[in-house]
Amino acid sequence: RVERLYKSSSEDGLPAWIVESRGGAQG
């Protein structure tokens, strides 16, 4: 399950997507 998805910047200043998720047998 994707809990959160947002756009950020990487170390080199280029756009990056951060995905916070929860999964697996233990969540």
mmCIF file of all heavy atoms, coordinates in Angstrom:
data_MODEL
# 
_entry.id   MODEL 
# 
loop_
_atom_site.group_PDB 
_atom_site.id 
_atom_site.type_symbol 
_atom_site.label_atom_id 
_atom_site.label_alt_id 
_atom_site.label_comp_id 
_atom_site.label_asym_id 
_atom_site.label_entity_id 
_atom_site.label_seq_id 
_atom_site.pdbx_PDB_ins_code 
_atom_site.Cartn_x 
_atom_site.Cartn_y 
_atom_site.Cartn_z 
_atom_site.occupancy 
_atom_site.B_iso_or_equiv 
_atom_site.pdbx_formal_charge 
_atom_site.auth_seq_id 
_atom_site.auth_comp_id 
_atom_site.auth_asym_id 
_atom_site.auth_atom_id 
_atom_site.pdbx_PDB_model_num 
ATOM 1   N N   . ARG A 1 1  ? 0.849  -1.192  0.000   1.00 0.00 ? 1  ARG A N   1 
ATOM 2   C CA  . ARG A 1 1  ? 0.000  0.000   0.000   1.00 0.00 ? 1  ARG A CA  1 
ATOM 3   C C   . ARG A 1 1  ? 0.883  1.241   0.000   1.00 0.00 ? 1  ARG A C   1 
ATOM 4   O O   . ARG A 1 1  ? 1.768  1.388   0.859   1.00 0.00 ? 1  ARG A O   1 
ATOM 5   C CB  . ARG A 1 1  ? -0.882 -0.007  1.239   1.00 0.00 ? 1  ARG A CB  1 
ATOM 6   C CG  . ARG A 1 1  ? -1.758 1.199   1.377   1.00 0.00 ? 1  ARG A CG  1 
ATOM 7   C CD  . ARG A 1 1  ? -2.456 1.175   2.724   1.00 0.00 ? 1  ARG A CD  1 
ATOM 8   N NE  . ARG A 1 1  ? -3.213 2.367   2.900   1.00 0.00 ? 1  ARG A NE  1 
ATOM 9   C CZ  . ARG A 1 1  ? -4.536 2.423   2.848   1.00 0.00 ? 1  ARG A CZ  1 
ATOM 10  N NH1 . ARG A 1 1  ? -5.227 1.325   2.663   1.00 0.00 ? 1  ARG A NH1 1 
ATOM 11  N NH2 . ARG A 1 1  ? -5.168 3.560   3.003   1.00 0.00 ? 1  ARG A NH2 1 
ATOM 12  N N   . VAL A 1 2  ? 0.663  2.137   -0.948  1.00 0.00 ? 2  VAL A N   1 
ATOM 13  C CA  . VAL A 1 2  ? 1.390  3.398   -0.969  1.00 0.00 ? 2  VAL A CA  1 
ATOM 14  C C   . VAL A 1 2  ? 0.684  4.345   -0.001  1.00 0.00 ? 2  VAL A C   1 
ATOM 15  O O   . VAL A 1 2  ? -0.487 4.654   -0.158  1.00 0.00 ? 2  VAL A O   1 
ATOM 16  C CB  . VAL A 1 2  ? 1.442  4.006   -2.388  1.00 0.00 ? 2  VAL A CB  1 
ATOM 17  C CG1 . VAL A 1 2  ? 2.065  5.388   -2.361  1.00 0.00 ? 2  VAL A CG1 1 
ATOM 18  C CG2 . VAL A 1 2  ? 2.221  3.085   -3.327  1.00 0.00 ? 2  VAL A CG2 1 
ATOM 19  N N   . GLU A 1 3  ? 1.416  4.769   1.018   1.00 0.00 ? 3  GLU A N   1 
ATOM 20  C CA  . GLU A 1 3  ? 0.865  5.659   2.037   1.00 0.00 ? 3  GLU A CA  1 
ATOM 21  C C   . GLU A 1 3  ? 1.000  7.125   1.622   1.00 0.00 ? 3  GLU A C   1 
ATOM 22  O O   . GLU A 1 3  ? 0.163  7.946   1.940   1.00 0.00 ? 3  GLU A O   1 
ATOM 23  C CB  . GLU A 1 3  ? 1.587  5.442   3.372   1.00 0.00 ? 3  GLU A CB  1 
ATOM 24  C CG  . GLU A 1 3  ? 1.474  4.033   3.916   1.00 0.00 ? 3  GLU A CG  1 
ATOM 25  C CD  . GLU A 1 3  ? 0.123  3.760   4.529   1.00 0.00 ? 3  GLU A CD  1 
ATOM 26  O OE1 . GLU A 1 3  ? -0.541 4.701   4.975   1.00 0.00 ? 3  GLU A OE1 1 
ATOM 27  O OE2 . GLU A 1 3  ? -0.269 2.578   4.563   1.00 0.00 ? 3  GLU A OE2 1 
ATOM 28  N N   . ARG A 1 4  ? 2.094  7.423   0.917   1.00 0.00 ? 4  ARG A N   1 
ATOM 29  C CA  . ARG A 1 4  ? 2.343  8.805   0.525   1.00 0.00 ? 4  ARG A CA  1 
ATOM 30  C C   . ARG A 1 4  ? 3.283  8.822   -0.668  1.00 0.00 ? 4  ARG A C   1 
ATOM 31  O O   . ARG A 1 4  ? 4.227  8.035   -0.740  1.00 0.00 ? 4  ARG A O   1 
ATOM 32  C CB  . ARG A 1 4  ? 2.962  9.565   1.696   1.00 0.00 ? 4  ARG A CB  1 
ATOM 33  C CG  . ARG A 1 4  ? 3.151  11.027  1.450   1.00 0.00 ? 4  ARG A CG  1 
ATOM 34  C CD  . ARG A 1 4  ? 3.596  11.725  2.732   1.00 0.00 ? 4  ARG A CD  1 
ATOM 35  N NE  . ARG A 1 4  ? 3.777  13.147  2.455   1.00 0.00 ? 4  ARG A NE  1 
ATOM 36  C CZ  . ARG A 1 4  ? 4.718  13.891  2.988   1.00 0.00 ? 4  ARG A CZ  1 
ATOM 37  N NH1 . ARG A 1 4  ? 5.560  13.371  3.858   1.00 0.00 ? 4  ARG A NH1 1 
ATOM 38  N NH2 . ARG A 1 4  ? 4.832  15.157  2.690   1.00 0.00 ? 4  ARG A NH2 1 
ATOM 39  N N   . LEU A 1 5  ? 3.035  9.743   -1.589  1.00 0.00 ? 5  LEU A N   1 
ATOM 40  C CA  . LEU A 1 5  ? 3.880  9.944   -2.763  1.00 0.00 ? 5  LEU A CA  1 
ATOM 41  C C   . LEU A 1 5  ? 4.035  11.443  -2.934  1.00 0.00 ? 5  LEU A C   1 
ATOM 42  O O   . LEU A 1 5  ? 3.045  12.164  -2.978  1.00 0.00 ? 5  LEU A O   1 
ATOM 43  C CB  . LEU A 1 5  ? 3.224  9.322   -3.995  1.00 0.00 ? 5  LEU A CB  1 
ATOM 44  C CG  . LEU A 1 5  ? 3.803  9.682   -5.353  1.00 0.00 ? 5  LEU A CG  1 
ATOM 45  C CD1 . LEU A 1 5  ? 5.199  9.107   -5.506  1.00 0.00 ? 5  LEU A CD1 1 
ATOM 46  C CD2 . LEU A 1 5  ? 2.902  9.199   -6.464  1.00 0.00 ? 5  LEU A CD2 1 
ATOM 47  N N   . TYR A 1 6  ? 5.278  11.908  -2.996  1.00 0.00 ? 6  TYR A N   1 
ATOM 48  C CA  . TYR A 1 6  ? 5.470  13.343  -3.182  1.00 0.00 ? 6  TYR A CA  1 
ATOM 49  C C   . TYR A 1 6  ? 6.756  13.615  -3.946  1.00 0.00 ? 6  TYR A C   1 
ATOM 50  O O   . TYR A 1 6  ? 7.669  12.806  -3.974  1.00 0.00 ? 6  TYR A O   1 
ATOM 51  C CB  . TYR A 1 6  ? 5.455  14.093  -1.845  1.00 0.00 ? 6  TYR A CB  1 
ATOM 52  C CG  . TYR A 1 6  ? 6.479  13.634  -0.838  1.00 0.00 ? 6  TYR A CG  1 
ATOM 53  C CD1 . TYR A 1 6  ? 7.705  14.275  -0.727  1.00 0.00 ? 6  TYR A CD1 1 
ATOM 54  C CD2 . TYR A 1 6  ? 6.221  12.571  0.008   1.00 0.00 ? 6  TYR A CD2 1 
ATOM 55  C CE1 . TYR A 1 6  ? 8.649  13.864  0.206   1.00 0.00 ? 6  TYR A CE1 1 
ATOM 56  C CE2 . TYR A 1 6  ? 7.150  12.155  0.948   1.00 0.00 ? 6  TYR A CE2 1 
ATOM 57  C CZ  . TYR A 1 6  ? 8.360  12.802  1.039   1.00 0.00 ? 6  TYR A CZ  1 
ATOM 58  O OH  . TYR A 1 6  ? 9.279  12.388  1.967   1.00 0.00 ? 6  TYR A OH  1 
ATOM 59  N N   . LYS A 1 7  ? 6.776  14.788  -4.573  1.00 0.00 ? 7  LYS A N   1 
ATOM 60  C CA  . LYS A 1 7  ? 7.923  15.195  -5.374  1.00 0.00 ? 7  LYS A CA  1 
ATOM 61  C C   . LYS A 1 7  ? 8.888  15.973  -4.489  1.00 0.00 ? 7  LYS A C   1 
ATOM 62  O O   . LYS A 1 7  ? 8.488  16.803  -3.681  1.00 0.00 ? 7  LYS A O   1 
ATOM 63  C CB  . LYS A 1 7  ? 7.438  16.074  -6.520  1.00 0.00 ? 7  LYS A CB  1 
ATOM 64  C CG  . LYS A 1 7  ? 8.401  16.206  -7.659  1.00 0.00 ? 7  LYS A CG  1 
ATOM 65  C CD  . LYS A 1 7  ? 7.727  16.940  -8.795  1.00 0.00 ? 7  LYS A CD  1 
ATOM 66  C CE  . LYS A 1 7  ? 8.549  16.842  -10.045 1.00 0.00 ? 7  LYS A CE  1 
ATOM 67  N NZ  . LYS A 1 7  ? 7.884  17.503  -11.159 1.00 0.00 ? 7  LYS A NZ  1 
ATOM 68  N N   . SER A 1 8  ? 10.155 15.685  -4.653  1.00 0.00 ? 8  SER A N   1 
ATOM 69  C CA  . SER A 1 8  ? 11.205 16.326  -3.877  1.00 0.00 ? 8  SER A CA  1 
ATOM 70  C C   . SER A 1 8  ? 12.354 16.640  -4.834  1.00 0.00 ? 8  SER A C   1 
ATOM 71  O O   . SER A 1 8  ? 12.205 16.525  -6.035  1.00 0.00 ? 8  SER A O   1 
ATOM 72  C CB  . SER A 1 8  ? 11.651 15.378  -2.763  1.00 0.00 ? 8  SER A CB  1 
ATOM 73  O OG  . SER A 1 8  ? 12.601 15.996  -1.958  1.00 0.00 ? 8  SER A OG  1 
ATOM 74  N N   . SER A 1 9  ? 13.491 17.018  -4.304  1.00 0.00 ? 9  SER A N   1 
ATOM 75  C CA  . SER A 1 9  ? 14.684 17.237  -5.120  1.00 0.00 ? 9  SER A CA  1 
ATOM 76  C C   . SER A 1 9  ? 15.769 16.277  -4.676  1.00 0.00 ? 9  SER A C   1 
ATOM 77  O O   . SER A 1 9  ? 15.902 15.979  -3.495  1.00 0.00 ? 9  SER A O   1 
ATOM 78  C CB  . SER A 1 9  ? 15.193 18.668  -4.964  1.00 0.00 ? 9  SER A CB  1 
ATOM 79  O OG  . SER A 1 9  ? 14.279 19.574  -5.499  1.00 0.00 ? 9  SER A OG  1 
ATOM 80  N N   . SER A 1 10 ? 16.526 15.810  -5.632  1.00 0.00 ? 10 SER A N   1 
ATOM 81  C CA  . SER A 1 10 ? 17.645 14.933  -5.306  1.00 0.00 ? 10 SER A CA  1 
ATOM 82  C C   . SER A 1 10 ? 18.864 15.786  -4.982  1.00 0.00 ? 10 SER A C   1 
ATOM 83  O O   . SER A 1 10 ? 18.821 17.014  -5.060  1.00 0.00 ? 10 SER A O   1 
ATOM 84  C CB  . SER A 1 10 ? 17.923 13.990  -6.473  1.00 0.00 ? 10 SER A CB  1 
ATOM 85  O OG  . SER A 1 10 ? 18.321 14.731  -7.604  1.00 0.00 ? 10 SER A OG  1 
ATOM 86  N N   . GLU A 1 11 ? 19.964 15.133  -4.647  1.00 0.00 ? 11 GLU A N   1 
ATOM 87  C CA  . GLU A 1 11 ? 21.196 15.840  -4.299  1.00 0.00 ? 11 GLU A CA  1 
ATOM 88  C C   . GLU A 1 11 ? 21.691 16.719  -5.448  1.00 0.00 ? 11 GLU A C   1 
ATOM 89  O O   . GLU A 1 11 ? 22.279 17.768  -5.239  1.00 0.00 ? 11 GLU A O   1 
ATOM 90  C CB  . GLU A 1 11 ? 22.297 14.846  -3.903  1.00 0.00 ? 11 GLU A CB  1 
ATOM 91  C CG  . GLU A 1 11 ? 21.991 14.018  -2.679  1.00 0.00 ? 11 GLU A CG  1 
ATOM 92  C CD  . GLU A 1 11 ? 21.100 12.826  -2.969  1.00 0.00 ? 11 GLU A CD  1 
ATOM 93  O OE1 . GLU A 1 11 ? 21.219 12.215  -4.056  1.00 0.00 ? 11 GLU A OE1 1 
ATOM 94  O OE2 . GLU A 1 11 ? 20.268 12.504  -2.106  1.00 0.00 ? 11 GLU A OE2 1 
ATOM 95  N N   . ASP A 1 12 ? 21.439 16.286  -6.689  1.00 0.00 ? 12 ASP A N   1 
ATOM 96  C CA  . ASP A 1 12 ? 21.917 17.052  -7.847  1.00 0.00 ? 12 ASP A CA  1 
ATOM 97  C C   . ASP A 1 12 ? 20.907 18.094  -8.314  1.00 0.00 ? 12 ASP A C   1 
ATOM 98  O O   . ASP A 1 12 ? 21.092 18.713  -9.356  1.00 0.00 ? 12 ASP A O   1 
ATOM 99  C CB  . ASP A 1 12 ? 22.293 16.112  -8.988  1.00 0.00 ? 12 ASP A CB  1 
ATOM 100 C CG  . ASP A 1 12 ? 21.165 15.173  -9.383  1.00 0.00 ? 12 ASP A CG  1 
ATOM 101 O OD1 . ASP A 1 12 ? 20.040 15.335  -8.876  1.00 0.00 ? 12 ASP A OD1 1 
ATOM 102 O OD2 . ASP A 1 12 ? 21.422 14.273  -10.193 1.00 0.00 ? 12 ASP A OD2 1 
ATOM 103 N N   . GLY A 1 13 ? 19.832 18.293  -7.539  1.00 0.00 ? 13 GLY A N   1 
ATOM 104 C CA  . GLY A 1 13 ? 18.850 19.318  -7.870  1.00 0.00 ? 13 GLY A CA  1 
ATOM 105 C C   . GLY A 1 13 ? 17.772 18.876  -8.837  1.00 0.00 ? 13 GLY A C   1 
ATOM 106 O O   . GLY A 1 13 ? 16.863 19.643  -9.146  1.00 0.00 ? 13 GLY A O   1 
ATOM 107 N N   . LEU A 1 14 ? 17.865 17.647  -9.335  1.00 0.00 ? 14 LEU A N   1 
ATOM 108 C CA  . LEU A 1 14 ? 16.854 17.143  -10.260 1.00 0.00 ? 14 LEU A CA  1 
ATOM 109 C C   . LEU A 1 14 ? 15.628 16.649  -9.480  1.00 0.00 ? 14 LEU A C   1 
ATOM 110 O O   . LEU A 1 14 ? 15.743 16.275  -8.315  1.00 0.00 ? 14 LEU A O   1 
ATOM 111 C CB  . LEU A 1 14 ? 17.435 16.011  -11.107 1.00 0.00 ? 14 LEU A CB  1 
ATOM 112 C CG  . LEU A 1 14 ? 18.581 16.408  -12.027 1.00 0.00 ? 14 LEU A CG  1 
ATOM 113 C CD1 . LEU A 1 14 ? 19.167 15.176  -12.691 1.00 0.00 ? 14 LEU A CD1 1 
ATOM 114 C CD2 . LEU A 1 14 ? 18.116 17.408  -13.070 1.00 0.00 ? 14 LEU A CD2 1 
ATOM 115 N N   . PRO A 1 15 ? 14.458 16.641  -10.130 1.00 0.00 ? 15 PRO A N   1 
ATOM 116 C CA  . PRO A 1 15 ? 13.259 16.155  -9.446  1.00 0.00 ? 15 PRO A CA  1 
ATOM 117 C C   . PRO A 1 15 ? 13.401 14.688  -9.039  1.00 0.00 ? 15 PRO A C   1 
ATOM 118 O O   . PRO A 1 15 ? 14.048 13.897  -9.722  1.00 0.00 ? 15 PRO A O   1 
ATOM 119 C CB  . PRO A 1 15 ? 12.158 16.303  -10.496 1.00 0.00 ? 15 PRO A CB  1 
ATOM 120 C CG  . PRO A 1 15 ? 12.697 17.224  -11.519 1.00 0.00 ? 15 PRO A CG  1 
ATOM 121 C CD  . PRO A 1 15 ? 14.186 17.094  -11.479 1.00 0.00 ? 15 PRO A CD  1 
ATOM 122 N N   . ALA A 1 16 ? 12.821 14.356  -7.914  1.00 0.00 ? 16 ALA A N   1 
ATOM 123 C CA  . ALA A 1 16 ? 12.814 12.979  -7.428  1.00 0.00 ? 16 ALA A CA  1 
ATOM 124 C C   . ALA A 1 16 ? 11.451 12.716  -6.804  1.00 0.00 ? 16 ALA A C   1 
ATOM 125 O O   . ALA A 1 16 ? 10.802 13.627  -6.296  1.00 0.00 ? 16 ALA A O   1 
ATOM 126 C CB  . ALA A 1 16 ? 13.912 12.769  -6.398  1.00 0.00 ? 16 ALA A CB  1 
ATOM 127 N N   . TRP A 1 17 ? 11.019 11.471  -6.857  1.00 0.00 ? 17 TRP A N   1 
ATOM 128 C CA  . TRP A 1 17 ? 9.759  11.068  -6.232  1.00 0.00 ? 17 TRP A CA  1 
ATOM 129 C C   . TRP A 1 17 ? 10.067 10.253  -4.991  1.00 0.00 ? 17 TRP A C   1 
ATOM 130 O O   . TRP A 1 17 ? 10.854 9.321   -5.036  1.00 0.00 ? 17 TRP A O   1 
ATOM 131 C CB  . TRP A 1 17 ? 8.926  10.231  -7.201  1.00 0.00 ? 17 TRP A CB  1 
ATOM 132 C CG  . TRP A 1 17 ? 8.411  11.043  -8.348  1.00 0.00 ? 17 TRP A CG  1 
ATOM 133 C CD1 . TRP A 1 17 ? 8.973  11.151  -9.585  1.00 0.00 ? 17 TRP A CD1 1 
ATOM 134 C CD2 . TRP A 1 17 ? 7.255  11.858  -8.348  1.00 0.00 ? 17 TRP A CD2 1 
ATOM 135 N NE1 . TRP A 1 17 ? 8.219  11.990  -10.356 1.00 0.00 ? 17 TRP A NE1 1 
ATOM 136 C CE2 . TRP A 1 17 ? 7.155  12.441  -9.622  1.00 0.00 ? 17 TRP A CE2 1 
ATOM 137 C CE3 . TRP A 1 17 ? 6.285  12.155  -7.390  1.00 0.00 ? 17 TRP A CE3 1 
ATOM 138 C CZ2 . TRP A 1 17 ? 6.120  13.297  -9.972  1.00 0.00 ? 17 TRP A CZ2 1 
ATOM 139 C CZ3 . TRP A 1 17 ? 5.252  13.001  -7.736  1.00 0.00 ? 17 TRP A CZ3 1 
ATOM 140 C CH2 . TRP A 1 17 ? 5.185  13.563  -9.006  1.00 0.00 ? 17 TRP A CH2 1 
ATOM 141 N N   . ILE A 1 18 ? 9.434  10.616  -3.889  1.00 0.00 ? 18 ILE A N   1 
ATOM 142 C CA  . ILE A 1 18 ? 9.591  9.889   -2.640  1.00 0.00 ? 18 ILE A CA  1 
ATOM 143 C C   . ILE A 1 18 ? 8.313  9.079   -2.427  1.00 0.00 ? 18 ILE A C   1 
ATOM 144 O O   . ILE A 1 18 ? 7.208  9.632   -2.459  1.00 0.00 ? 18 ILE A O   1 
ATOM 145 C CB  . ILE A 1 18 ? 9.813  10.841  -1.444  1.00 0.00 ? 18 ILE A CB  1 
ATOM 146 C CG1 . ILE A 1 18 ? 10.963 11.807  -1.739  1.00 0.00 ? 18 ILE A CG1 1 
ATOM 147 C CG2 . ILE A 1 18 ? 10.037 10.053  -0.161  1.00 0.00 ? 18 ILE A CG2 1 
ATOM 148 C CD1 . ILE A 1 18 ? 12.292 11.151  -2.041  1.00 0.00 ? 18 ILE A CD1 1 
ATOM 149 N N   . VAL A 1 19 ? 8.476  7.780   -2.242  1.00 0.00 ? 19 VAL A N   1 
ATOM 150 C CA  . VAL A 1 19 ? 7.337  6.880   -2.039  1.00 0.00 ? 19 VAL A CA  1 
ATOM 151 C C   . VAL A 1 19 ? 7.449  6.270   -0.648  1.00 0.00 ? 19 VAL A C   1 
ATOM 152 O O   . VAL A 1 19 ? 8.428  5.608   -0.331  1.00 0.00 ? 19 VAL A O   1 
ATOM 153 C CB  . VAL A 1 19 ? 7.311  5.754   -3.104  1.00 0.00 ? 19 VAL A CB  1 
ATOM 154 C CG1 . VAL A 1 19 ? 6.133  4.827   -2.871  1.00 0.00 ? 19 VAL A CG1 1 
ATOM 155 C CG2 . VAL A 1 19 ? 7.264  6.342   -4.502  1.00 0.00 ? 19 VAL A CG2 1 
ATOM 156 N N   . GLU A 1 20 ? 6.442  6.532   0.156   1.00 0.00 ? 20 GLU A N   1 
ATOM 157 C CA  . GLU A 1 20 ? 6.339  5.912   1.474   1.00 0.00 ? 20 GLU A CA  1 
ATOM 158 C C   . GLU A 1 20 ? 5.294  4.818   1.358   1.00 0.00 ? 20 GLU A C   1 
ATOM 159 O O   . GLU A 1 20 ? 4.158  5.080   0.959   1.00 0.00 ? 20 GLU A O   1 
ATOM 160 C CB  . GLU A 1 20 ? 5.936  6.943   2.532   1.00 0.00 ? 20 GLU A CB  1 
ATOM 161 C CG  . GLU A 1 20 ? 6.949  8.047   2.700   1.00 0.00 ? 20 GLU A CG  1 
ATOM 162 C CD  . GLU A 1 20 ? 6.509  9.115   3.679   1.00 0.00 ? 20 GLU A CD  1 
ATOM 163 O OE1 . GLU A 1 20 ? 5.445  8.961   4.330   1.00 0.00 ? 20 GLU A OE1 1 
ATOM 164 O OE2 . GLU A 1 20 ? 7.228  10.118  3.798   1.00 0.00 ? 20 GLU A OE2 1 
ATOM 165 N N   . SER A 1 21 ? 5.682  3.579   1.668   1.00 0.00 ? 21 SER A N   1 
ATOM 166 C CA  . SER A 1 21 ? 4.770  2.451   1.478   1.00 0.00 ? 21 SER A CA  1 
ATOM 167 C C   . SER A 1 21 ? 4.785  1.532   2.689   1.00 0.00 ? 21 SER A C   1 
ATOM 168 O O   . SER A 1 21 ? 5.621  1.653   3.575   1.00 0.00 ? 21 SER A O   1 
ATOM 169 C CB  . SER A 1 21 ? 5.152  1.671   0.215   1.00 0.00 ? 21 SER A CB  1 
ATOM 170 O OG  . SER A 1 21 ? 6.459  1.155   0.333   1.00 0.00 ? 21 SER A OG  1 
ATOM 171 N N   . ARG A 1 22 ? 3.825  0.631   2.688   1.00 0.00 ? 22 ARG A N   1 
ATOM 172 C CA  . ARG A 1 22 ? 3.707  -0.352  3.770   1.00 0.00 ? 22 ARG A CA  1 
ATOM 173 C C   . ARG A 1 22 ? 3.286  -1.663  3.117   1.00 0.00 ? 22 ARG A C   1 
ATOM 174 O O   . ARG A 1 22 ? 2.352  -1.706  2.334   1.00 0.00 ? 22 ARG A O   1 
ATOM 175 C CB  . ARG A 1 22 ? 2.665  0.126   4.773   1.00 0.00 ? 22 ARG A CB  1 
ATOM 176 C CG  . ARG A 1 22 ? 2.599  -0.695  6.032   1.00 0.00 ? 22 ARG A CG  1 
ATOM 177 C CD  . ARG A 1 22 ? 1.732  -0.011  7.076   1.00 0.00 ? 22 ARG A CD  1 
ATOM 178 N NE  . ARG A 1 22 ? 2.276  1.252   7.544   1.00 0.00 ? 22 ARG A NE  1 
ATOM 179 C CZ  . ARG A 1 22 ? 3.223  1.395   8.467   1.00 0.00 ? 22 ARG A CZ  1 
ATOM 180 N NH1 . ARG A 1 22 ? 3.756  0.322   9.025   1.00 0.00 ? 22 ARG A NH1 1 
ATOM 181 N NH2 . ARG A 1 22 ? 3.648  2.567   8.842   1.00 0.00 ? 22 ARG A NH2 1 
ATOM 182 N N   . GLY A 1 23 ? 4.009  -2.744  3.436   1.00 0.00 ? 23 GLY A N   1 
ATOM 183 C CA  . GLY A 1 23 ? 3.674  -4.018  2.816   1.00 0.00 ? 23 GLY A CA  1 
ATOM 184 C C   . GLY A 1 23 ? 4.339  -5.178  3.521   1.00 0.00 ? 23 GLY A C   1 
ATOM 185 O O   . GLY A 1 23 ? 4.909  -5.030  4.595   1.00 0.00 ? 23 GLY A O   1 
ATOM 186 N N   . GLY A 1 24 ? 4.254  -6.321  2.887   1.00 0.00 ? 24 GLY A N   1 
ATOM 187 C CA  . GLY A 1 24 ? 4.812  -7.522  3.479   1.00 0.00 ? 24 GLY A CA  1 
ATOM 188 C C   . GLY A 1 24 ? 3.866  -8.114  4.508   1.00 0.00 ? 24 GLY A C   1 
ATOM 189 O O   . GLY A 1 24 ? 2.830  -7.550  4.833   1.00 0.00 ? 24 GLY A O   1 
ATOM 190 N N   . ALA A 1 25 ? 4.222  -9.249  5.025   1.00 0.00 ? 25 ALA A N   1 
ATOM 191 C CA  . ALA A 1 25 ? 3.372  -9.966  5.980   1.00 0.00 ? 25 ALA A CA  1 
ATOM 192 C C   . ALA A 1 25 ? 3.169  -9.172  7.263   1.00 0.00 ? 25 ALA A C   1 
ATOM 193 O O   . ALA A 1 25 ? 2.119  -9.249  7.891   1.00 0.00 ? 25 ALA A O   1 
ATOM 194 C CB  . ALA A 1 25 ? 3.998  -11.327 6.303   1.00 0.00 ? 25 ALA A CB  1 
ATOM 195 N N   . GLN A 1 26 ? 4.174  -8.390  7.657   1.00 0.00 ? 26 GLN A N   1 
ATOM 196 C CA  . GLN A 1 26 ? 4.100  -7.634  8.909   1.00 0.00 ? 26 GLN A CA  1 
ATOM 197 C C   . GLN A 1 26 ? 3.702  -6.181  8.693   1.00 0.00 ? 26 GLN A C   1 
ATOM 198 O O   . GLN A 1 26 ? 3.628  -5.430  9.645   1.00 0.00 ? 26 GLN A O   1 
ATOM 199 C CB  . GLN A 1 26 ? 5.436  -7.678  9.630   1.00 0.00 ? 26 GLN A CB  1 
ATOM 200 C CG  . GLN A 1 26 ? 6.043  -9.042  9.673   1.00 0.00 ? 26 GLN A CG  1 
ATOM 201 C CD  . GLN A 1 26 ? 5.239  -10.030 10.523  1.00 0.00 ? 26 GLN A CD  1 
ATOM 202 O OE1 . GLN A 1 26 ? 5.502  -10.150 11.517  1.00 0.00 ? 26 GLN A OE1 1 
ATOM 203 N NE2 . GLN A 1 26 ? 4.272  -10.731 10.136  1.00 0.00 ? 26 GLN A NE2 1 
ATOM 204 N N   . GLY A 1 27 ? 3.480  -5.787  7.433   1.00 0.00 ? 27 GLY A N   1 
ATOM 205 C CA  . GLY A 1 27 ? 3.119  -4.404  7.148   1.00 0.00 ? 27 GLY A CA  1 
ATOM 206 C C   . GLY A 1 27 ? 4.255  -3.427  7.407   1.00 0.00 ? 27 GLY A C   1 
ATOM 207 O O   . GLY A 1 27 ? 4.044  -2.330  7.914   1.00 0.00 ? 27 GLY A O   1 
# 
